[in-house]
C-alpha cells in the first residue's frame, strides 16, 4: 500500500461508524452490519455484510 502513497505514510483514519440491524425474511432472521471508515484525505470506505441466521440444525450452508 505504501507504493500507492506519495509520501509513504499510512492513511490516517479520522472516523469509524458501525451500524447493525436484523429483520425477518421468509421465516428466517437476516443480519446486516455496515462499517464506514473515513480518512484524513476525505476518502470513505464502507463494508457491508448481510447474512441469514440459520438454525444450527437446518442442514444448510450459508451463501457464498
PDB file of N, CA and C in Angstrom:
ATOM      1  N   UNK A   1       0.819  -1.178   0.000  1.00  0.00           N
ATOM      2  CA  UNK A   1       0.000   0.000   0.000  1.00  0.00           C
ATOM      3  C   UNK A   1       0.869   1.251   0.000  1.00  0.00           C
ATOM      4  N   UNK A   2       2.010   1.197   0.644  1.00  0.00           N
ATOM      5  CA  UNK A   2       2.874   2.374   0.697  1.00  0.00           C
ATOM      6  C   UNK A   2       3.293   2.819  -0.694  1.00  0.00           C
ATOM      7  N   UNK A   3       3.368   1.877  -1.643  1.00  0.00           N
ATOM      8  CA  UNK A   3       3.732   2.230  -3.002  1.00  0.00           C
ATOM      9  C   UNK A   3       2.691   3.105  -3.682  1.00  0.00           C
ATOM     10  N   UNK A   4       1.458   3.043  -3.199  1.00  0.00           N
ATOM     11  CA  UNK A   4       0.393   3.864  -3.771  1.00  0.00           C
ATOM     12  C   UNK A   4       0.413   5.282  -3.231  1.00  0.00           C
ATOM     13  N   UNK A   5       1.066   5.492  -2.119  1.00  0.00           N
ATOM     14  CA  UNK A   5       1.076   6.797  -1.472  1.00  0.00           C
ATOM     15  C   UNK A   5       2.364   7.528  -1.808  1.00  0.00           C
ATOM     16  N   UNK A   6       2.257   8.805  -2.070  1.00  0.00           N
ATOM     17  CA  UNK A   6       3.419   9.580  -2.471  1.00  0.00           C
ATOM     18  C   UNK A   6       4.432   9.764  -1.343  1.00  0.00           C
ATOM     19  N   UNK A   7       3.959   9.955  -0.121  1.00  0.00           N
ATOM     20  CA  UNK A   7       4.900  10.207   0.974  1.00  0.00           C
ATOM     21  C   UNK A   7       5.233   8.949   1.770  1.00  0.00           C
ATOM     22  N   UNK A   8       4.636   7.815   1.428  1.00  0.00           N
ATOM     23  CA  UNK A   8       4.936   6.558   2.098  1.00  0.00           C
ATOM     24  C   UNK A   8       4.251   6.393   3.446  1.00  0.00           C
ATOM     25  N   UNK A   9       3.488   7.393   3.887  1.00  0.00           N
ATOM     26  CA  UNK A   9       2.804   7.320   5.179  1.00  0.00           C
ATOM     27  C   UNK A   9       1.499   6.525   5.038  1.00  0.00           C
ATOM     28  N   UNK A  10       1.164   5.801   6.073  1.00  0.00           N
ATOM     29  CA  UNK A  10      -0.096   5.067   6.088  1.00  0.00           C
ATOM     30  C   UNK A  10      -1.248   6.069   6.201  1.00  0.00           C
ATOM     31  N   UNK A  11      -2.380   5.786   5.541  1.00  0.00           N
ATOM     32  CA  UNK A  11      -3.519   6.690   5.641  1.00  0.00           C
ATOM     33  C   UNK A  11      -4.031   6.750   7.077  1.00  0.00           C
ATOM     34  N   UNK A  12      -4.473   7.922   7.493  1.00  0.00           N
ATOM     35  CA  UNK A  12      -4.941   8.116   8.868  1.00  0.00           C
ATOM     36  C   UNK A  12      -6.465   8.077   8.906  1.00  0.00           C
ATOM     37  N   UNK A  13      -7.011   7.164   9.716  1.00  0.00           N
ATOM     38  CA  UNK A  13      -8.457   7.064   9.898  1.00  0.00           C
ATOM     39  C   UNK A  13      -8.879   8.130  10.903  1.00  0.00           C
ATOM     40  N   UNK A  14      -9.866   8.941  10.505  1.00  0.00           N
ATOM     41  CA  UNK A  14     -10.337  10.005  11.395  1.00  0.00           C
ATOM     42  C   UNK A  14     -11.724   9.708  11.968  1.00  0.00           C
ATOM     43  N   UNK A  15     -12.383   8.691  11.444  1.00  0.00           N
ATOM     44  CA  UNK A  15     -13.699   8.335  11.969  1.00  0.00           C
ATOM     45  C   UNK A  15     -14.096   6.942  11.542  1.00  0.00           C
ATOM     46  N   UNK A  16     -14.879   6.292  12.391  1.00  0.00           N
ATOM     47  CA  UNK A  16     -15.355   4.934  12.099  1.00  0.00           C
ATOM     48  C   UNK A  16     -16.730   4.781  12.714  1.00  0.00           C
ATOM     49  N   UNK A  17     -17.711   4.334  11.912  1.00  0.00           N
ATOM     50  CA  UNK A  17     -19.052   4.088  12.421  1.00  0.00           C
ATOM     51  C   UNK A  17     -19.458   2.655  12.088  1.00  0.00           C
ATOM     52  N   UNK A  18     -20.244   2.063  12.973  1.00  0.00           N
ATOM     53  CA  UNK A  18     -20.753   0.706  12.781  1.00  0.00           C
ATOM     54  C   UNK A  18     -22.268   0.758  12.932  1.00  0.00           C
ATOM     55  N   UNK A  19     -22.968   0.200  11.960  1.00  0.00           N
ATOM     56  CA  UNK A  19     -24.425   0.102  12.023  1.00  0.00           C
ATOM     57  C   UNK A  19     -24.804  -1.366  11.887  1.00  0.00           C
ATOM     58  N   UNK A  20     -25.713  -1.833  12.724  1.00  0.00           N
ATOM     59  CA  UNK A  20     -26.151  -3.222  12.669  1.00  0.00           C
ATOM     60  C   UNK A  20     -27.674  -3.276  12.741  1.00  0.00           C
ATOM     61  N   UNK A  21     -28.259  -4.213  11.986  1.00  0.00           N
ATOM     62  CA  UNK A  21     -29.704  -4.384  12.021  1.00  0.00           C
ATOM     63  C   UNK A  21     -30.042  -5.843  11.717  1.00  0.00           C
ATOM     64  N   UNK A  22     -31.227  -6.261  12.149  1.00  0.00           N
ATOM     65  CA  UNK A  22     -31.743  -7.597  11.846  1.00  0.00           C
ATOM     66  C   UNK A  22     -33.213  -7.468  11.478  1.00  0.00           C
ATOM     67  N   UNK A  23     -33.703  -8.413  10.662  1.00  0.00           N
ATOM     68  CA  UNK A  23     -35.106  -8.445  10.283  1.00  0.00           C
ATOM     69  C   UNK A  23     -35.474  -9.858   9.844  1.00  0.00           C
ATOM     70  N   UNK A  24     -36.761 -10.117   9.714  1.00  0.00           N
ATOM     71  CA  UNK A  24     -37.265 -11.414   9.291  1.00  0.00           C
ATOM     72  C   UNK A  24     -37.555 -11.386   7.794  1.00  0.00           C
ATOM     73  N   UNK A  25     -37.159 -12.455   7.089  1.00  0.00           N
ATOM     74  CA  UNK A  25     -37.424 -12.581   5.656  1.00  0.00           C
ATOM     75  C   UNK A  25     -37.728 -14.042   5.368  1.00  0.00           C
ATOM     76  N   UNK A  26     -38.936 -14.335   4.925  1.00  0.00           N
ATOM     77  CA  UNK A  26     -39.374 -15.708   4.633  1.00  0.00           C
ATOM     78  C   UNK A  26     -39.143 -16.650   5.810  1.00  0.00           C
ATOM     79  N   UNK A  27     -39.377 -16.177   7.012  1.00  0.00           N
ATOM     80  CA  UNK A  27     -39.255 -17.011   8.199  1.00  0.00           C
ATOM     81  C   UNK A  27     -37.852 -17.145   8.754  1.00  0.00           C
ATOM     82  N   UNK A  28     -36.873 -16.511   8.130  1.00  0.00           N
ATOM     83  CA  UNK A  28     -35.501 -16.550   8.617  1.00  0.00           C
ATOM     84  C   UNK A  28     -35.072 -15.167   9.067  1.00  0.00           C
ATOM     85  N   UNK A  29     -34.195 -15.141  10.065  1.00  0.00           N
ATOM     86  CA  UNK A  29     -33.652 -13.872  10.517  1.00  0.00           C
ATOM     87  C   UNK A  29     -32.438 -13.506   9.655  1.00  0.00           C
ATOM     88  N   UNK A  30     -32.389 -12.260   9.218  1.00  0.00           N
ATOM     89  CA  UNK A  30     -31.294 -11.752   8.397  1.00  0.00           C
ATOM     90  C   UNK A  30     -30.583 -10.666   9.196  1.00  0.00           C
ATOM     91  N   UNK A  31     -29.250 -10.687   9.178  1.00  0.00           N
ATOM     92  CA  UNK A  31     -28.456  -9.681   9.905  1.00  0.00           C
ATOM     93  C   UNK A  31     -27.596  -8.913   8.908  1.00  0.00           C
ATOM     94  N   UNK A  32     -27.495  -7.603   9.133  1.00  0.00           N
ATOM     95  CA  UNK A  32     -26.639  -6.762   8.290  1.00  0.00           C
ATOM     96  C   UNK A  32     -25.761  -5.913   9.205  1.00  0.00           C
ATOM     97  N   UNK A  33     -24.472  -5.818   8.847  1.00  0.00           N
ATOM     98  CA  UNK A  33     -23.549  -4.941   9.563  1.00  0.00           C
ATOM     99  C   UNK A  33     -22.792  -4.110   8.535  1.00  0.00           C
ATOM    100  N   UNK A  34     -22.806  -2.790   8.723  1.00  0.00           N
ATOM    101  CA  UNK A  34     -22.062  -1.876   7.854  1.00  0.00           C
ATOM    102  C   UNK A  34     -21.037  -1.133   8.697  1.00  0.00           C
ATOM    103  N   UNK A  35     -19.800  -1.107   8.204  1.00  0.00           N
ATOM    104  CA  UNK A  35     -18.720  -0.361   8.859  1.00  0.00           C
ATOM    105  C   UNK A  35     -18.232   0.681   7.852  1.00  0.00           C
ATOM    106  N   UNK A  36     -18.199   1.944   8.270  1.00  0.00           N
ATOM    107  CA  UNK A  36     -17.712   3.021   7.424  1.00  0.00           C
ATOM    108  C   UNK A  36     -16.486   3.635   8.081  1.00  0.00           C
ATOM    109  N   UNK A  37     -15.385   3.692   7.331  1.00  0.00           N
ATOM    110  CA  UNK A  37     -14.154   4.338   7.806  1.00  0.00           C
ATOM    111  C   UNK A  37     -13.932   5.598   6.980  1.00  0.00           C
ATOM    112  N   UNK A  38     -13.639   6.704   7.664  1.00  0.00           N
ATOM    113  CA  UNK A  38     -13.342   7.968   6.998  1.00  0.00           C
ATOM    114  C   UNK A  38     -11.881   8.312   7.237  1.00  0.00           C
ATOM    115  N   UNK A  39     -11.209   8.733   6.171  1.00  0.00           N
ATOM    116  CA  UNK A  39      -9.785   9.023   6.224  1.00  0.00           C
ATOM    117  C   UNK A  39      -9.536  10.525   6.157  1.00  0.00           C
ATOM    118  N   UNK A  40      -8.345  10.932   6.596  1.00  0.00           N
ATOM    119  CA  UNK A  40      -7.983  12.346   6.671  1.00  0.00           C
ATOM    120  C   UNK A  40      -8.051  13.032   5.311  1.00  0.00           C
ATOM    121  N   UNK A  41      -7.860  12.293   4.234  1.00  0.00           N
ATOM    122  CA  UNK A  41      -7.883  12.917   2.904  1.00  0.00           C
ATOM    123  C   UNK A  41      -9.285  13.024   2.309  1.00  0.00           C
ATOM    124  N   UNK A  42     -10.323  12.649   3.078  1.00  0.00           N
ATOM    125  CA  UNK A  42     -11.704  12.745   2.616  1.00  0.00           C
ATOM    126  C   UNK A  42     -12.267  11.454   2.053  1.00  0.00           C
ATOM    127  N   UNK A  43     -11.441  10.438   1.888  1.00  0.00           N
ATOM    128  CA  UNK A  43     -11.900   9.151   1.379  1.00  0.00           C
ATOM    129  C   UNK A  43     -12.758   8.451   2.426  1.00  0.00           C
ATOM    130  N   UNK A  44     -13.802   7.775   1.964  1.00  0.00           N
ATOM    131  CA  UNK A  44     -14.639   6.963   2.850  1.00  0.00           C
ATOM    132  C   UNK A  44     -14.783   5.580   2.229  1.00  0.00           C
ATOM    133  N   UNK A  45     -14.659   4.553   3.057  1.00  0.00           N
ATOM    134  CA  UNK A  45     -14.831   3.171   2.617  1.00  0.00           C
ATOM    135  C   UNK A  45     -15.891   2.528   3.500  1.00  0.00           C
ATOM    136  N   UNK A  46     -16.877   1.872   2.848  1.00  0.00           N
ATOM    137  CA  UNK A  46     -17.933   1.179   3.596  1.00  0.00           C
ATOM    138  C   UNK A  46     -17.897  -0.303   3.228  1.00  0.00           C
ATOM    139  N   UNK A  47     -17.942  -1.135   4.262  1.00  0.00           N
ATOM    140  CA  UNK A  47     -18.023  -2.586   4.079  1.00  0.00           C
ATOM    141  C   UNK A  47     -19.344  -3.031   4.679  1.00  0.00           C
ATOM    142  N   UNK A  48     -20.158  -3.734   3.895  1.00  0.00           N
ATOM    143  CA  UNK A  48     -21.449  -4.227   4.369  1.00  0.00           C
ATOM    144  C   UNK A  48     -21.489  -5.738   4.215  1.00  0.00           C
ATOM    145  N   UNK A  49     -21.884  -6.398   5.304  1.00  0.00           N
ATOM    146  CA  UNK A  49     -22.042  -7.857   5.297  1.00  0.00           C
ATOM    147  C   UNK A  49     -23.486  -8.151   5.662  1.00  0.00           C
ATOM    148  N   UNK A  50     -24.141  -8.956   4.839  1.00  0.00           N
ATOM    149  CA  UNK A  50     -25.514  -9.375   5.108  1.00  0.00           C
ATOM    150  C   UNK A  50     -25.540 -10.895   5.077  1.00  0.00           C
ATOM    151  N   UNK A  51     -26.153 -11.492   6.101  1.00  0.00           N
ATOM    152  CA  UNK A  51     -26.187 -12.955   6.138  1.00  0.00           C
ATOM    153  C   UNK A  51     -27.456 -13.436   6.793  1.00  0.00           C
ATOM    154  N   UNK A  52     -27.867 -14.646   6.403  1.00  0.00           N
ATOM    155  CA  UNK A  52     -29.020 -15.309   7.012  1.00  0.00           C
ATOM    156  C   UNK A  52     -28.551 -15.994   8.284  1.00  0.00           C
ATOM    157  N   UNK A  53     -29.315 -15.831   9.349  1.00  0.00           N
ATOM    158  CA  UNK A  53     -29.007 -16.501  10.609  1.00  0.00           C
ATOM    159  C   UNK A  53     -29.851 -17.770  10.660  1.00  0.00           C
ATOM    160  N   UNK A  54     -29.248 -18.881  10.227  1.00  0.00           N
ATOM    161  CA  UNK A  54     -29.948 -20.155  10.151  1.00  0.00           C
ATOM    162  C   UNK A  54     -29.772 -20.941  11.437  1.00  0.00           C
ATOM    163  N   UNK A  55     -30.799 -21.687  11.824  1.00  0.00           N
ATOM    164  CA  UNK A  55     -30.643 -22.556  12.994  1.00  0.00           C
ATOM    165  C   UNK A  55     -29.548 -23.594  12.729  1.00  0.00           C
ATOM    166  N   UNK A  56     -28.858 -24.021  13.775  1.00  0.00           N
ATOM    167  CA  UNK A  56     -27.766 -24.976  13.641  1.00  0.00           C
ATOM    168  C   UNK A  56     -28.177 -26.308  13.062  1.00  0.00           C
ATOM    169  N   UNK A  57     -29.439 -26.681  13.229  1.00  0.00           N
ATOM    170  CA  UNK A  57     -29.897 -27.978  12.741  1.00  0.00           C
ATOM    171  C   UNK A  57     -30.575 -27.875  11.377  1.00  0.00           C
ATOM    172  N   UNK A  58     -30.439 -26.749  10.686  1.00  0.00           N
ATOM    173  CA  UNK A  58     -31.110 -26.555   9.405  1.00  0.00           C
ATOM    174  C   UNK A  58     -30.488 -27.408   8.299  1.00  0.00           C
ATOM    175  N   UNK A  59     -29.241 -27.850   8.458  1.00  0.00           N
ATOM    176  CA  UNK A  59     -28.599 -28.671   7.442  1.00  0.00           C
ATOM    177  C   UNK A  59     -28.252 -27.890   6.180  1.00  0.00           C
ATOM    178  N   UNK A  60     -28.189 -26.590   6.280  1.00  0.00           N
ATOM    179  CA  UNK A  60     -27.872 -25.739   5.134  1.00  0.00           C
ATOM    180  C   UNK A  60     -26.581 -25.000   5.380  1.00  0.00           C
ATOM    181  N   UNK A  61     -25.875 -24.676   4.293  1.00  0.00           N
ATOM    182  CA  UNK A  61     -24.665 -23.869   4.446  1.00  0.00           C
ATOM    183  C   UNK A  61     -24.982 -22.441   3.994  1.00  0.00           C
ATOM    184  N   UNK A  62     -24.260 -21.455   4.528  1.00  0.00           N
ATOM    185  CA  UNK A  62     -24.510 -20.060   4.142  1.00  0.00           C
ATOM    186  C   UNK A  62     -24.174 -19.830   2.670  1.00  0.00           C
ATOM    187  N   UNK A  63     -24.782 -18.778   2.107  1.00  0.00           N
ATOM    188  CA  UNK A  63     -24.479 -18.414   0.729  1.00  0.00           C
ATOM    189  C   UNK A  63     -23.037 -17.951   0.632  1.00  0.00           C
ATOM    190  N   UNK A  64     -22.426 -18.187  -0.507  1.00  0.00           N
ATOM    191  CA  UNK A  64     -21.055 -17.721  -0.742  1.00  0.00           C
ATOM    192  C   UNK A  64     -21.080 -16.293  -1.259  1.00  0.00           C
TER     193      UNK A  64
END
